[in-house]
Amino acid sequence: MTGMLNPSGASGGRKVSGGSGPVGRSGEGIGKETGEAVTRQTVREFLRRVTERDPDRIADLYAEEVDWMVAGNPVVPWIKPRPTRAGVAGHWADLAAHTVSGDGWATVGAIVVDGAEAVVTGELGGTVAATGKTFRSRFALRLTVEDGLITRHHVYEDSLAVAAACTPDAAA
């Protein structure tokens, strides 16, 4: 996700609270019901950690290798390939460095879980520090959780709106 979660649930969304207990490797032989519980708990913990804005704590929920997909655009400095846990931490650090602190937000509309797969839908927004321009986009985030760690992170958002906010106005 490009934006940060707003724990107050601004814009009519809802607050997502963290799961109970630690999230991490869950072991072998997980059944679908247990697998879904682990997936749901990991997704909720991910959303909770995003509100903390600590790139390393967010990245700790990811496997060492990640199937990362965010529609790239060369004018958006935080969107690039991130195939590793360290890359995931870099994404959240770059996002914080290039947007106005405290201005980013996201609301969650729904979380759908089926086994190891989860889809989170909602809306996000923020302000780009270099241009002062704001962006707003609906999003869908597809996550796959294996052994309690996120192995797939695919974001579908209005990347054109984000790129427009990153593009300085032409001088007259």
N, C-alpha and C. Protein backbone atom coordinates (compact mmCIF):
# COMPACT_ATOMS: atom_id res chain seq x y z
N MET A 1 0.84 -1.17 0.00
CA MET A 1 0.00 0.00 0.00
C MET A 1 0.88 1.22 0.00
N THR A 2 0.40 2.21 -0.67
CA THR A 2 1.16 3.44 -0.73
C THR A 2 1.00 4.25 0.54
N GLY A 3 -0.20 4.34 1.07
CA GLY A 3 -0.46 5.18 2.24
C GLY A 3 -0.32 4.43 3.54
N MET A 4 -0.54 5.13 4.62
CA MET A 4 -0.49 4.54 5.95
C MET A 4 -1.91 4.38 6.47
N LEU A 5 -2.13 3.42 7.30
CA LEU A 5 -3.44 3.22 7.90
C LEU A 5 -3.71 4.28 8.94
N ASN A 6 -4.90 4.77 8.97
CA ASN A 6 -5.32 5.72 9.99
C ASN A 6 -6.06 4.93 11.05
N PRO A 7 -5.48 4.80 12.26
CA PRO A 7 -6.12 3.97 13.27
C PRO A 7 -7.48 4.47 13.71
N SER A 8 -7.82 5.71 13.40
CA SER A 8 -9.14 6.22 13.78
C SER A 8 -10.19 5.82 12.77
N GLY A 9 -9.77 5.25 11.63
CA GLY A 9 -10.73 4.82 10.62
C GLY A 9 -11.35 5.98 9.87
N ALA A 10 -10.56 6.99 9.52
CA ALA A 10 -11.06 8.16 8.81
C ALA A 10 -11.71 7.76 7.49
N SER A 11 -12.51 8.61 6.93
CA SER A 11 -13.18 8.43 5.66
C SER A 11 -14.16 7.28 5.66
N GLY A 12 -14.72 6.98 6.81
CA GLY A 12 -15.76 5.97 6.88
C GLY A 12 -15.26 4.54 6.91
N GLY A 13 -13.96 4.34 6.89
CA GLY A 13 -13.41 2.99 6.98
C GLY A 13 -13.48 2.50 8.41
N ARG A 14 -12.89 1.36 8.63
CA ARG A 14 -12.92 0.85 9.99
C ARG A 14 -11.50 0.59 10.47
N LYS A 15 -11.35 0.65 11.75
CA LYS A 15 -10.07 0.38 12.38
C LYS A 15 -9.83 -1.12 12.35
N VAL A 16 -8.59 -1.51 12.08
CA VAL A 16 -8.23 -2.91 12.11
C VAL A 16 -7.30 -3.10 13.29
N SER A 17 -7.71 -3.94 14.22
CA SER A 17 -6.87 -4.18 15.39
C SER A 17 -5.98 -5.39 15.15
N GLY A 18 -4.89 -5.44 15.90
CA GLY A 18 -3.96 -6.56 15.78
C GLY A 18 -4.57 -7.83 16.31
N GLY A 19 -4.01 -8.95 15.90
CA GLY A 19 -4.49 -10.24 16.37
C GLY A 19 -4.01 -10.50 17.79
N SER A 20 -4.48 -11.57 18.37
CA SER A 20 -4.04 -11.92 19.71
C SER A 20 -2.86 -12.87 19.60
N GLY A 21 -1.80 -12.58 20.30
CA GLY A 21 -0.64 -13.44 20.31
C GLY A 21 0.33 -13.13 19.20
N PRO A 22 1.51 -13.73 19.25
CA PRO A 22 2.55 -13.44 18.28
C PRO A 22 2.25 -14.04 16.92
N VAL A 23 2.82 -13.42 15.88
CA VAL A 23 2.68 -13.92 14.53
C VAL A 23 4.06 -14.34 14.08
N GLY A 24 4.17 -15.47 13.44
CA GLY A 24 5.45 -15.95 12.95
C GLY A 24 5.28 -17.34 12.38
N ARG A 25 6.33 -18.08 12.34
CA ARG A 25 6.26 -19.43 11.78
C ARG A 25 5.28 -20.29 12.56
N SER A 26 4.40 -20.97 11.83
CA SER A 26 3.34 -21.72 12.49
C SER A 26 3.55 -23.23 12.45
N GLY A 27 4.53 -23.70 11.72
CA GLY A 27 4.79 -25.14 11.72
C GLY A 27 4.20 -25.84 10.52
N GLU A 28 4.38 -27.14 10.48
CA GLU A 28 3.94 -27.97 9.35
C GLU A 28 2.53 -28.49 9.58
N GLY A 29 1.91 -28.95 8.51
CA GLY A 29 0.64 -29.66 8.60
C GLY A 29 -0.53 -28.79 9.01
N ILE A 30 -0.59 -27.55 8.55
CA ILE A 30 -1.69 -26.67 8.91
C ILE A 30 -2.91 -27.02 8.06
N GLY A 31 -4.05 -27.24 8.71
CA GLY A 31 -5.30 -27.46 7.99
C GLY A 31 -5.86 -26.16 7.48
N LYS A 32 -6.90 -26.22 6.62
CA LYS A 32 -7.46 -25.00 6.04
C LYS A 32 -7.98 -24.06 7.12
N GLU A 33 -8.72 -24.57 8.11
CA GLU A 33 -9.27 -23.70 9.15
C GLU A 33 -8.15 -23.02 9.93
N THR A 34 -7.16 -23.80 10.34
CA THR A 34 -6.02 -23.24 11.06
C THR A 34 -5.24 -22.31 10.15
N GLY A 35 -5.04 -22.72 8.87
CA GLY A 35 -4.33 -21.89 7.90
C GLY A 35 -5.02 -20.55 7.72
N GLU A 36 -6.35 -20.57 7.62
CA GLU A 36 -7.10 -19.32 7.49
C GLU A 36 -6.94 -18.46 8.73
N ALA A 37 -6.92 -19.08 9.89
CA ALA A 37 -6.74 -18.30 11.13
C ALA A 37 -5.37 -17.64 11.15
N VAL A 38 -4.34 -18.37 10.73
CA VAL A 38 -2.99 -17.81 10.68
C VAL A 38 -2.93 -16.68 9.66
N THR A 39 -3.54 -16.89 8.49
CA THR A 39 -3.56 -15.85 7.47
C THR A 39 -4.25 -14.60 7.99
N ARG A 40 -5.43 -14.76 8.58
CA ARG A 40 -6.18 -13.62 9.10
C ARG A 40 -5.38 -12.89 10.19
N GLN A 41 -4.77 -13.64 11.08
CA GLN A 41 -3.98 -13.04 12.16
C GLN A 41 -2.77 -12.29 11.60
N THR A 42 -2.10 -12.87 10.61
CA THR A 42 -0.93 -12.22 10.01
C THR A 42 -1.33 -10.94 9.29
N VAL A 43 -2.44 -10.97 8.57
CA VAL A 43 -2.91 -9.77 7.86
C VAL A 43 -3.27 -8.68 8.86
N ARG A 44 -3.98 -9.02 9.90
CA ARG A 44 -4.33 -8.02 10.92
C ARG A 44 -3.09 -7.45 11.59
N GLU A 45 -2.11 -8.31 11.85
CA GLU A 45 -0.86 -7.83 12.45
C GLU A 45 -0.11 -6.91 11.48
N PHE A 46 -0.11 -7.25 10.19
CA PHE A 46 0.48 -6.39 9.17
C PHE A 46 -0.17 -5.01 9.20
N LEU A 47 -1.49 -4.98 9.19
CA LEU A 47 -2.20 -3.69 9.20
C LEU A 47 -1.90 -2.91 10.48
N ARG A 48 -1.80 -3.59 11.60
CA ARG A 48 -1.47 -2.92 12.85
C ARG A 48 -0.07 -2.33 12.79
N ARG A 49 0.88 -3.10 12.29
CA ARG A 49 2.26 -2.61 12.21
C ARG A 49 2.42 -1.46 11.24
N VAL A 50 1.61 -1.44 10.18
CA VAL A 50 1.67 -0.30 9.26
C VAL A 50 1.32 0.99 10.01
N THR A 51 0.39 0.91 10.95
CA THR A 51 0.03 2.11 11.71
C THR A 51 1.18 2.57 12.61
N GLU A 52 2.08 1.65 12.99
CA GLU A 52 3.24 2.01 13.80
C GLU A 52 4.31 2.73 13.00
N ARG A 53 4.29 2.53 11.68
CA ARG A 53 5.24 3.18 10.77
C ARG A 53 6.70 2.81 11.04
N ASP A 54 6.94 1.57 11.42
CA ASP A 54 8.30 1.08 11.66
C ASP A 54 8.63 0.09 10.54
N PRO A 55 9.43 0.52 9.54
CA PRO A 55 9.71 -0.35 8.39
C PRO A 55 10.26 -1.72 8.75
N ASP A 56 11.14 -1.81 9.72
CA ASP A 56 11.71 -3.11 10.08
C ASP A 56 10.69 -4.03 10.72
N ARG A 57 9.80 -3.49 11.56
CA ARG A 57 8.75 -4.32 12.18
C ARG A 57 7.75 -4.81 11.14
N ILE A 58 7.44 -3.97 10.16
CA ILE A 58 6.56 -4.42 9.08
C ILE A 58 7.25 -5.54 8.31
N ALA A 59 8.51 -5.32 7.94
CA ALA A 59 9.25 -6.29 7.13
C ALA A 59 9.44 -7.63 7.86
N ASP A 60 9.46 -7.62 9.18
CA ASP A 60 9.60 -8.87 9.94
C ASP A 60 8.47 -9.85 9.67
N LEU A 61 7.36 -9.38 9.14
CA LEU A 61 6.23 -10.26 8.83
C LEU A 61 6.37 -10.93 7.46
N TYR A 62 7.43 -10.60 6.71
CA TYR A 62 7.63 -11.11 5.37
C TYR A 62 8.67 -12.22 5.34
N ALA A 63 8.53 -13.13 4.40
CA ALA A 63 9.53 -14.16 4.16
C ALA A 63 10.79 -13.49 3.61
N GLU A 64 11.89 -14.22 3.61
CA GLU A 64 13.15 -13.68 3.07
C GLU A 64 13.02 -13.32 1.59
N GLU A 65 12.25 -14.12 0.84
CA GLU A 65 11.98 -13.83 -0.57
C GLU A 65 10.49 -13.55 -0.72
N VAL A 66 10.18 -12.48 -1.47
CA VAL A 66 8.80 -12.01 -1.59
C VAL A 66 8.43 -11.83 -3.05
N ASP A 67 7.23 -12.30 -3.41
CA ASP A 67 6.66 -12.01 -4.73
C ASP A 67 5.98 -10.64 -4.59
N TRP A 68 6.71 -9.59 -4.93
CA TRP A 68 6.29 -8.20 -4.70
C TRP A 68 5.86 -7.60 -6.03
N MET A 69 4.67 -7.03 -6.09
CA MET A 69 4.20 -6.39 -7.31
C MET A 69 3.42 -5.13 -6.94
N VAL A 70 3.95 -4.01 -7.35
CA VAL A 70 3.26 -2.72 -7.28
C VAL A 70 3.52 -2.07 -8.62
N ALA A 71 2.48 -1.60 -9.29
CA ALA A 71 2.65 -1.01 -10.62
C ALA A 71 3.64 0.15 -10.55
N GLY A 72 4.77 -0.03 -11.20
CA GLY A 72 5.84 0.95 -11.12
C GLY A 72 5.63 2.15 -12.03
N ASN A 73 6.26 3.23 -11.66
CA ASN A 73 6.29 4.44 -12.46
C ASN A 73 7.58 5.15 -12.07
N PRO A 74 8.41 5.53 -13.04
CA PRO A 74 9.71 6.11 -12.70
C PRO A 74 9.66 7.41 -11.90
N VAL A 75 8.53 8.09 -11.85
CA VAL A 75 8.45 9.34 -11.08
C VAL A 75 8.05 9.09 -9.63
N VAL A 76 7.69 7.86 -9.27
CA VAL A 76 7.30 7.54 -7.89
C VAL A 76 8.51 6.87 -7.23
N PRO A 77 9.22 7.60 -6.35
CA PRO A 77 10.49 7.10 -5.83
C PRO A 77 10.41 5.88 -4.92
N TRP A 78 9.27 5.59 -4.32
CA TRP A 78 9.18 4.46 -3.40
C TRP A 78 8.66 3.19 -4.05
N ILE A 79 8.24 3.28 -5.30
CA ILE A 79 7.70 2.11 -5.98
C ILE A 79 8.76 1.54 -6.92
N LYS A 80 9.23 0.35 -6.55
CA LYS A 80 10.24 -0.36 -7.34
C LYS A 80 10.19 -1.82 -6.93
N PRO A 81 10.88 -2.69 -7.63
CA PRO A 81 10.89 -4.11 -7.23
C PRO A 81 11.44 -4.27 -5.82
N ARG A 82 10.80 -5.13 -5.03
CA ARG A 82 11.20 -5.39 -3.64
C ARG A 82 11.12 -6.90 -3.38
N PRO A 83 12.02 -7.69 -3.94
CA PRO A 83 11.89 -9.15 -3.84
C PRO A 83 12.40 -9.77 -2.54
N THR A 84 12.83 -8.96 -1.58
CA THR A 84 13.37 -9.51 -0.33
C THR A 84 12.76 -8.79 0.88
N ARG A 85 12.93 -9.39 2.04
CA ARG A 85 12.48 -8.77 3.29
C ARG A 85 13.14 -7.39 3.46
N ALA A 86 14.43 -7.29 3.17
CA ALA A 86 15.13 -5.99 3.27
C ALA A 86 14.51 -4.98 2.31
N GLY A 87 14.12 -5.44 1.14
CA GLY A 87 13.47 -4.55 0.17
C GLY A 87 12.13 -4.04 0.68
N VAL A 88 11.40 -4.90 1.37
CA VAL A 88 10.11 -4.49 1.96
C VAL A 88 10.35 -3.37 2.97
N ALA A 89 11.36 -3.53 3.83
CA ALA A 89 11.68 -2.47 4.80
C ALA A 89 12.05 -1.19 4.05
N GLY A 90 12.78 -1.33 2.95
CA GLY A 90 13.15 -0.17 2.14
C GLY A 90 11.94 0.54 1.56
N HIS A 91 10.93 -0.22 1.16
CA HIS A 91 9.71 0.39 0.63
C HIS A 91 9.08 1.32 1.66
N TRP A 92 8.90 0.82 2.89
CA TRP A 92 8.23 1.61 3.92
C TRP A 92 9.10 2.79 4.35
N ALA A 93 10.43 2.62 4.35
CA ALA A 93 11.33 3.73 4.68
C ALA A 93 11.28 4.80 3.58
N ASP A 94 11.30 4.36 2.30
CA ASP A 94 11.23 5.31 1.18
C ASP A 94 9.89 6.04 1.17
N LEU A 95 8.82 5.32 1.43
CA LEU A 95 7.50 5.96 1.48
C LEU A 95 7.48 7.06 2.54
N ALA A 96 8.01 6.76 3.71
CA ALA A 96 8.05 7.77 4.79
C ALA A 96 8.93 8.95 4.41
N ALA A 97 10.03 8.70 3.73
CA ALA A 97 10.96 9.77 3.37
C ALA A 97 10.40 10.70 2.29
N HIS A 98 9.50 10.20 1.46
CA HIS A 98 9.01 10.99 0.32
C HIS A 98 7.58 11.51 0.49
N THR A 99 6.96 11.24 1.62
CA THR A 99 5.62 11.77 1.86
C THR A 99 5.62 12.58 3.15
N VAL A 100 4.62 13.43 3.30
CA VAL A 100 4.51 14.29 4.47
C VAL A 100 4.09 13.46 5.67
N SER A 101 4.90 13.50 6.71
CA SER A 101 4.65 12.73 7.92
C SER A 101 3.30 13.12 8.53
N GLY A 102 2.52 12.12 8.90
CA GLY A 102 1.23 12.35 9.54
C GLY A 102 0.11 12.65 8.57
N ASP A 103 0.43 12.79 7.27
CA ASP A 103 -0.58 13.12 6.28
C ASP A 103 -1.09 11.89 5.53
N GLY A 104 -0.36 10.79 5.59
CA GLY A 104 -0.77 9.58 4.89
C GLY A 104 -1.86 8.85 5.65
N TRP A 105 -2.73 8.18 4.93
CA TRP A 105 -3.83 7.47 5.56
C TRP A 105 -4.29 6.33 4.65
N ALA A 106 -4.95 5.39 5.22
CA ALA A 106 -5.65 4.34 4.48
C ALA A 106 -6.79 3.84 5.35
N THR A 107 -7.86 3.51 4.71
CA THR A 107 -8.99 2.89 5.41
C THR A 107 -9.22 1.53 4.79
N VAL A 108 -9.65 0.61 5.60
CA VAL A 108 -9.90 -0.76 5.15
C VAL A 108 -11.40 -0.94 4.98
N GLY A 109 -11.79 -1.42 3.80
CA GLY A 109 -13.19 -1.70 3.55
C GLY A 109 -13.54 -3.14 3.86
N ALA A 110 -12.68 -4.07 3.44
CA ALA A 110 -12.96 -5.50 3.64
C ALA A 110 -11.66 -6.28 3.68
N ILE A 111 -11.70 -7.38 4.41
CA ILE A 111 -10.62 -8.37 4.40
C ILE A 111 -11.27 -9.71 4.09
N VAL A 112 -10.84 -10.33 2.99
CA VAL A 112 -11.37 -11.62 2.58
C VAL A 112 -10.23 -12.63 2.66
N VAL A 113 -10.46 -13.75 3.35
CA VAL A 113 -9.43 -14.76 3.53
C VAL A 113 -9.94 -16.11 3.03
N ASP A 114 -9.09 -16.79 2.26
CA ASP A 114 -9.38 -18.15 1.79
C ASP A 114 -8.09 -18.93 1.88
N GLY A 115 -7.94 -19.71 2.93
CA GLY A 115 -6.71 -20.46 3.15
C GLY A 115 -5.54 -19.51 3.35
N ALA A 116 -4.51 -19.66 2.52
CA ALA A 116 -3.31 -18.84 2.63
C ALA A 116 -3.45 -17.49 1.94
N GLU A 117 -4.55 -17.29 1.21
CA GLU A 117 -4.75 -16.07 0.43
C GLU A 117 -5.63 -15.07 1.16
N ALA A 118 -5.28 -13.79 1.04
CA ALA A 118 -6.09 -12.72 1.61
C ALA A 118 -6.13 -11.55 0.65
N VAL A 119 -7.26 -10.87 0.61
CA VAL A 119 -7.40 -9.64 -0.15
C VAL A 119 -7.94 -8.58 0.80
N VAL A 120 -7.26 -7.45 0.83
CA VAL A 120 -7.67 -6.30 1.64
C VAL A 120 -8.05 -5.20 0.66
N THR A 121 -9.25 -4.64 0.83
CA THR A 121 -9.66 -3.53 -0.03
C THR A 121 -9.84 -2.28 0.82
N GLY A 122 -9.72 -1.14 0.17
CA GLY A 122 -9.92 0.11 0.89
C GLY A 122 -9.55 1.31 0.04
N GLU A 123 -9.19 2.37 0.74
CA GLU A 123 -8.82 3.62 0.08
C GLU A 123 -7.61 4.19 0.83
N LEU A 124 -6.73 4.85 0.09
CA LEU A 124 -5.53 5.42 0.69
C LEU A 124 -5.27 6.81 0.12
N GLY A 125 -4.42 7.54 0.80
CA GLY A 125 -4.05 8.87 0.32
C GLY A 125 -2.87 9.42 1.10
N GLY A 126 -2.37 10.52 0.63
CA GLY A 126 -1.24 11.17 1.29
C GLY A 126 -0.81 12.39 0.51
N THR A 127 0.29 12.98 0.96
CA THR A 127 0.86 14.16 0.32
C THR A 127 2.33 13.89 0.02
N VAL A 128 2.75 14.17 -1.20
CA VAL A 128 4.14 13.98 -1.61
C VAL A 128 4.94 15.19 -1.12
N ALA A 129 6.01 14.93 -0.38
CA ALA A 129 6.81 16.00 0.23
C ALA A 129 7.42 16.93 -0.81
N ALA A 130 7.96 16.41 -1.89
CA ALA A 130 8.67 17.22 -2.87
C ALA A 130 7.77 18.17 -3.65
N THR A 131 6.49 17.80 -3.82
CA THR A 131 5.59 18.62 -4.64
C THR A 131 4.49 19.29 -3.84
N GLY A 132 4.19 18.77 -2.66
CA GLY A 132 3.06 19.27 -1.88
C GLY A 132 1.72 18.82 -2.41
N LYS A 133 1.73 17.97 -3.44
CA LYS A 133 0.49 17.48 -4.04
C LYS A 133 -0.04 16.27 -3.28
N THR A 134 -1.35 16.16 -3.25
CA THR A 134 -1.98 15.01 -2.59
C THR A 134 -2.42 13.98 -3.62
N PHE A 135 -2.55 12.76 -3.15
CA PHE A 135 -3.08 11.69 -3.98
C PHE A 135 -4.11 10.93 -3.15
N ARG A 136 -5.01 10.26 -3.87
CA ARG A 136 -6.06 9.46 -3.24
C ARG A 136 -6.37 8.33 -4.21
N SER A 137 -6.50 7.12 -3.68
CA SER A 137 -6.74 5.97 -4.54
C SER A 137 -7.44 4.87 -3.78
N ARG A 138 -8.36 4.21 -4.44
CA ARG A 138 -8.88 2.95 -3.91
C ARG A 138 -7.82 1.90 -4.18
N PHE A 139 -7.79 0.86 -3.36
CA PHE A 139 -6.78 -0.18 -3.56
C PHE A 139 -7.35 -1.55 -3.25
N ALA A 140 -6.68 -2.55 -3.80
CA ALA A 140 -6.85 -3.95 -3.41
C ALA A 140 -5.44 -4.48 -3.18
N LEU A 141 -5.23 -5.11 -2.06
CA LEU A 141 -3.94 -5.68 -1.69
C LEU A 141 -4.11 -7.19 -1.56
N ARG A 142 -3.39 -7.95 -2.38
CA ARG A 142 -3.43 -9.41 -2.29
C ARG A 142 -2.19 -9.88 -1.55
N LEU A 143 -2.41 -10.60 -0.48
CA LEU A 143 -1.33 -11.17 0.31
C LEU A 143 -1.46 -12.68 0.35
N THR A 144 -0.32 -13.36 0.31
CA THR A 144 -0.28 -14.80 0.55
C THR A 144 0.56 -15.01 1.79
N VAL A 145 0.07 -15.85 2.71
CA VAL A 145 0.76 -16.13 3.96
C VAL A 145 1.12 -17.61 3.99
N GLU A 146 2.40 -17.89 4.16
CA GLU A 146 2.88 -19.27 4.27
C GLU A 146 3.72 -19.37 5.53
N ASP A 147 3.43 -20.34 6.36
CA ASP A 147 4.14 -20.53 7.63
C ASP A 147 4.17 -19.25 8.46
N GLY A 148 3.08 -18.50 8.41
CA GLY A 148 2.96 -17.28 9.23
C GLY A 148 3.69 -16.07 8.68
N LEU A 149 4.25 -16.17 7.46
CA LEU A 149 4.96 -15.04 6.87
C LEU A 149 4.36 -14.69 5.51
N ILE A 150 4.40 -13.43 5.17
CA ILE A 150 3.86 -12.96 3.89
C ILE A 150 4.86 -13.29 2.79
N THR A 151 4.39 -14.03 1.77
CA THR A 151 5.24 -14.41 0.65
C THR A 151 4.84 -13.72 -0.65
N ARG A 152 3.62 -13.19 -0.70
CA ARG A 152 3.16 -12.45 -1.88
C ARG A 152 2.54 -11.15 -1.40
N HIS A 153 2.89 -10.05 -2.11
CA HIS A 153 2.36 -8.71 -1.82
C HIS A 153 2.11 -8.05 -3.17
N HIS A 154 0.86 -8.07 -3.61
CA HIS A 154 0.49 -7.44 -4.88
C HIS A 154 -0.51 -6.33 -4.58
N VAL A 155 -0.21 -5.13 -5.03
CA VAL A 155 -1.09 -3.98 -4.81
C VAL A 155 -1.66 -3.53 -6.14
N TYR A 156 -2.95 -3.29 -6.14
CA TYR A 156 -3.66 -2.74 -7.29
C TYR A 156 -4.23 -1.41 -6.83
N GLU A 157 -3.74 -0.31 -7.42
CA GLU A 157 -4.15 1.02 -7.01
C GLU A 157 -4.11 1.94 -8.23
N ASP A 158 -4.56 3.16 -8.06
CA ASP A 158 -4.51 4.16 -9.12
C ASP A 158 -3.11 4.74 -9.16
N SER A 159 -2.19 4.01 -9.80
CA SER A 159 -0.79 4.45 -9.84
C SER A 159 -0.63 5.74 -10.62
N LEU A 160 -1.54 6.06 -11.52
CA LEU A 160 -1.48 7.32 -12.26
C LEU A 160 -1.71 8.50 -11.32
N ALA A 161 -2.64 8.38 -10.37
CA ALA A 161 -2.89 9.44 -9.39
C ALA A 161 -1.67 9.66 -8.51
N VAL A 162 -1.02 8.57 -8.12
CA VAL A 162 0.18 8.69 -7.28
C VAL A 162 1.30 9.34 -8.09
N ALA A 163 1.49 8.92 -9.33
CA ALA A 163 2.52 9.50 -10.20
C ALA A 163 2.25 10.98 -10.45
N ALA A 164 1.00 11.37 -10.65
CA ALA A 164 0.66 12.78 -10.87
C ALA A 164 1.04 13.61 -9.65
N ALA A 165 0.83 13.07 -8.46
CA ALA A 165 1.19 13.79 -7.24
C ALA A 165 2.70 13.93 -7.08
N CYS A 166 3.45 13.01 -7.67
CA CYS A 166 4.93 13.05 -7.59
C CYS A 166 5.56 13.94 -8.66
N THR A 167 4.77 14.35 -9.64
CA THR A 167 5.29 15.13 -10.77
C THR A 167 5.16 16.62 -10.50
N PRO A 168 6.29 17.33 -10.48
CA PRO A 168 6.22 18.79 -10.26
C PRO A 168 5.46 19.47 -11.40
N ASP A 169 4.80 20.57 -11.08
CA ASP A 169 4.14 21.35 -12.12
C ASP A 169 5.20 21.98 -13.02
N ALA A 170 4.87 22.12 -14.29
CA ALA A 170 5.79 22.73 -15.24
C ALA A 170 5.92 24.21 -14.93
N ALA A 171 7.13 24.74 -15.07
CA ALA A 171 7.35 26.18 -14.84
C ALA A 171 6.71 26.97 -15.97
N ALA A 172 6.12 28.08 -15.62
CA ALA A 172 5.43 28.90 -16.66
C ALA A 172 6.42 29.77 -17.39
